[in-house]
Protein backbone atom coordinates (compact mmCIF):
# COMPACT_ATOMS: atom_id res chain seq x y z
CA MET A 1 -65.29 5.09 11.61
CA SER A 2 -67.96 6.95 13.44
CA LYS A 3 -69.95 9.58 11.60
CA ARG A 4 -69.70 11.72 14.71
CA ARG A 5 -67.07 14.41 14.38
CA ALA A 6 -64.22 14.48 16.82
CA ASN A 7 -65.09 16.92 19.54
CA TYR A 8 -61.76 18.48 20.33
CA GLN A 9 -60.08 21.80 19.73
CA THR A 10 -56.68 22.34 18.16
CA SER A 11 -54.75 25.45 17.23
CA VAL A 12 -55.31 24.85 13.51
CA LYS A 13 -59.05 24.29 14.00
CA SER A 14 -59.26 27.72 15.60
CA LEU A 15 -57.50 29.32 12.59
CA LEU A 16 -59.33 27.69 9.69
CA PRO A 17 -62.94 26.88 8.78
CA GLU A 18 -63.87 23.29 9.61
CA GLU A 19 -65.33 22.75 6.14
CA PHE A 20 -61.98 23.72 4.57
CA LEU A 21 -60.10 21.30 6.82
CA LEU A 22 -62.46 18.50 5.77
CA ASP A 23 -62.07 19.43 2.08
CA LEU A 24 -58.30 19.52 2.50
CA GLY A 25 -58.39 15.98 3.87
CA VAL A 26 -60.56 14.80 0.96
CA PHE A 27 -58.17 16.37 -1.54
CA LEU A 28 -55.05 14.91 0.08
CA GLN A 29 -56.53 11.42 0.34
CA THR A 30 -57.59 11.59 -3.30
CA CYS A 31 -54.01 12.50 -4.19
CA ALA A 32 -52.74 9.53 -2.17
CA TYR A 33 -55.10 7.24 -4.08
CA ILE A 34 -53.92 8.73 -7.38
CA GLU A 35 -50.37 7.67 -6.51
CA GLN A 36 -51.47 4.20 -5.40
CA THR A 37 -53.59 3.76 -8.52
CA ALA A 38 -50.81 4.94 -10.83
CA ALA A 39 -48.56 2.29 -9.27
CA ILE A 40 -51.18 -0.41 -9.93
CA LEU A 41 -51.55 0.77 -13.52
CA ILE A 42 -47.80 0.75 -14.19
CA ALA A 43 -47.47 -2.76 -12.74
CA SER A 44 -50.45 -3.98 -14.76
CA LEU A 45 -48.83 -2.72 -17.97
CA ASN A 46 -45.39 -4.16 -17.11
CA VAL A 47 -46.31 -7.61 -15.73
CA ASP A 48 -48.46 -10.08 -17.67
CA ASP A 49 -49.85 -12.00 -14.71
CA PRO A 50 -51.40 -9.80 -12.01
CA GLU A 51 -51.83 -12.87 -9.80
CA SER A 52 -48.06 -13.40 -9.65
CA GLU A 53 -45.76 -12.31 -6.87
CA SER A 54 -43.72 -10.36 -9.43
CA PHE A 55 -46.77 -8.16 -10.10
CA PHE A 56 -47.13 -7.28 -6.44
CA ALA A 57 -43.37 -6.73 -6.06
CA GLU A 58 -43.47 -4.35 -9.06
CA TYR A 59 -46.47 -2.55 -7.61
CA GLU A 60 -44.75 -2.12 -4.24
CA SER A 61 -41.57 -0.83 -5.89
CA TYR A 62 -43.58 1.88 -7.67
CA ARG A 63 -45.31 2.84 -4.42
CA LYS A 64 -41.89 3.69 -2.98
CA LEU A 65 -41.05 6.18 -5.75
CA SER A 66 -41.23 9.93 -5.28
CA THR A 67 -44.17 11.50 -7.07
CA LYS A 68 -41.80 12.92 -9.67
CA GLU A 69 -40.28 9.47 -10.37
CA LEU A 70 -43.70 7.80 -10.33
CA LEU A 71 -44.92 10.26 -12.96
CA LYS A 72 -41.81 9.67 -15.07
CA THR A 73 -42.41 5.90 -14.85
CA LEU A 74 -46.10 6.34 -15.72
CA ARG A 75 -45.13 8.26 -18.85
CA SER A 76 -42.66 5.52 -19.79
CA VAL A 77 -45.44 2.90 -20.11
CA THR A 78 -47.58 4.94 -22.50
CA ASP A 79 -46.56 2.75 -25.45
CA LYS A 80 -47.70 -0.36 -23.55
CA ALA A 81 -51.15 1.20 -23.14
CA GLU A 82 -51.51 1.26 -26.93
CA GLN A 83 -52.84 -2.33 -27.03
CA PHE A 84 -55.61 -1.36 -24.60
CA GLY A 85 -56.56 1.77 -26.53
CA PHE A 86 -55.73 4.45 -23.98
CA ALA A 87 -52.15 5.54 -24.80
CA ASP A 88 -53.18 9.06 -25.84
CA ARG A 89 -55.40 9.52 -22.81
CA LEU A 90 -52.64 8.18 -20.54
CA SER A 91 -50.34 10.89 -21.88
CA GLU A 92 -53.02 13.51 -21.20
CA ILE A 93 -53.75 12.23 -17.70
CA SER A 94 -50.01 12.18 -16.91
CA ASN A 95 -49.94 15.90 -17.73
CA ALA A 96 -52.99 16.43 -15.51
CA ILE A 97 -51.26 14.58 -12.65
CA GLU A 98 -48.25 16.88 -13.01
CA ILE A 99 -50.48 19.96 -12.74
CA ASN A 100 -52.40 18.39 -9.84
CA ASN A 101 -49.13 17.63 -8.06
CA GLU A 102 -48.39 21.36 -7.78
CA LYS A 103 -51.74 21.78 -6.01
CA ARG A 104 -50.89 18.80 -3.79
CA HIS A 105 -47.57 20.38 -2.79
CA LEU A 106 -49.35 23.61 -1.97
CA ALA A 107 -51.93 21.71 0.13
CA VAL A 108 -49.27 19.72 2.00
CA HIS A 109 -46.60 22.38 2.49
CA GLY A 110 -48.60 25.60 2.51
CA ALA A 111 -49.72 27.33 5.69
CA PHE A 112 -53.32 28.45 5.21
CA ILE A 113 -54.72 31.49 6.95
CA ALA A 114 -58.38 32.53 7.03
CA THR A 115 -59.30 36.07 6.05
CA PRO A 116 -62.42 38.02 7.01
CA ASN A 117 -63.29 38.33 3.30
CA ASP A 118 -64.47 34.73 2.73
CA PHE A 119 -61.26 33.38 1.24
CA LEU A 120 -58.04 31.89 2.54
CA ARG A 121 -54.48 32.95 2.04
CA VAL A 122 -51.75 30.36 1.73
CA ASP A 123 -48.08 31.03 2.41
CA HIS A 124 -45.80 28.63 0.64
CA LEU A 125 -42.10 28.47 -0.20
CA LYS A 126 -41.45 27.13 -3.67
CA ASN A 127 -38.11 25.58 -4.56
CA TRP A 128 -37.23 26.33 -8.18
CA GLY A 129 -33.86 24.56 -7.96
CA GLN A 130 -32.13 27.96 -7.95
CA GLY A 131 -33.41 28.87 -4.51
CA LEU A 132 -36.58 29.41 -2.58
CA GLU A 133 -39.32 31.81 -3.61
CA GLN A 134 -42.01 32.92 -1.19
CA ASN A 135 -45.47 32.55 -2.64
CA ARG A 136 -48.63 34.06 -1.14
CA THR A 137 -51.82 33.09 -2.89
CA ALA A 138 -55.53 33.67 -2.31
CA ILE A 139 -57.59 30.46 -2.21
CA THR A 140 -61.36 30.57 -2.64
CA LYS A 141 -63.97 27.90 -1.97
CA GLN A 142 -64.25 27.53 -5.76
CA ASP A 143 -60.49 26.85 -6.01
CA VAL A 144 -60.84 24.10 -3.42
CA CYS A 145 -63.86 22.56 -5.20
CA ILE A 146 -62.04 22.61 -8.55
CA ALA A 147 -58.94 20.98 -7.05
CA ILE A 148 -61.04 18.18 -5.53
CA ARG A 149 -63.03 17.71 -8.75
CA ASP A 150 -59.86 17.57 -10.88
CA ALA A 151 -58.15 15.10 -8.55
CA ASP A 152 -61.25 12.90 -8.46
CA PHE A 153 -61.41 12.96 -12.27
CA ILE A 154 -57.77 11.84 -12.50
CA LEU A 155 -58.40 9.01 -10.03
CA THR A 156 -61.54 7.87 -11.88
CA VAL A 157 -59.72 7.82 -15.23
CA LEU A 158 -56.77 5.86 -13.79
CA ILE A 159 -59.17 3.27 -12.33
CA GLY A 160 -60.83 3.02 -15.75
CA PHE A 161 -57.45 2.36 -17.38
CA ILE A 162 -56.74 -0.45 -14.91
CA GLU A 163 -60.15 -1.98 -15.53
CA ALA A 164 -59.45 -1.85 -19.30
CA VAL A 165 -56.29 -3.90 -18.70
CA GLN A 166 -58.13 -6.40 -16.52
CA PRO A 167 -61.58 -6.10 -14.93
CA ARG A 168 -61.55 -6.06 -11.10
CA LEU A 169 -57.76 -5.62 -10.99
CA TYR A 170 -58.04 -2.31 -9.13
CA VAL A 171 -60.22 -3.76 -6.38
CA ASP A 172 -58.27 -7.03 -6.18
CA THR A 173 -54.91 -5.24 -5.91
CA SER A 174 -56.25 -2.80 -3.35
CA HIS A 175 -57.45 -5.70 -1.20
CA ARG A 176 -54.06 -7.38 -1.48
CA ALA A 177 -52.25 -4.15 -0.63
CA PHE A 178 -54.58 -3.30 2.26
CA PRO A 179 -55.63 -6.61 3.79
CA ILE A 180 -58.44 -6.76 6.29
CA VAL A 181 -57.19 -5.81 9.73
CA THR A 182 -58.75 -6.07 13.14
CA HIS A 183 -59.81 -2.89 14.87
CA PRO A 184 -57.13 -2.04 17.46
CA PHE A 185 -59.66 -1.83 20.29
CA SER A 186 -61.31 -5.15 19.51
CA LYS A 187 -58.30 -7.24 20.50
CA ARG A 188 -58.89 -9.32 23.58
CA ARG A 189 -56.36 -9.01 26.35
């Protein structure tokens, strides 16, 4: 994609700082990759041959799970990580994913509003199972940086786990899941 920023105006762009919108995108994409990478890890611990069709079918089935179910499944393979030496760390990173997921929900479902005091306010309804609770929270630049850093750490650790199971498995699976495609405007008519 072009390094040139899109030159258009939207209602949201007039309400929020451009840097925050970019950071929000980085955070949300990192969260998406965490989910994809967790699915690869689970499949790599459940299927012996990552070259097999059953591996890819397992991976795809985990990609379809809700985040809550994906996390539950990730925790269920902790004992299988023992042979690769990262069972304890997998348990810790599963807890970190759960905490990160609350930030992800806030980022996806919260309505952010800029304030004149160099911070943002986010309005968010939280469902506790017993009903909805309105939540208004102040968000600083530091909060955003910490959320991105924490999510990136989780992603990096998950990739390391996959590489401990089998070197290059993360890259190879990603290429299988996202095959090379032709740019939509390059098709000849």
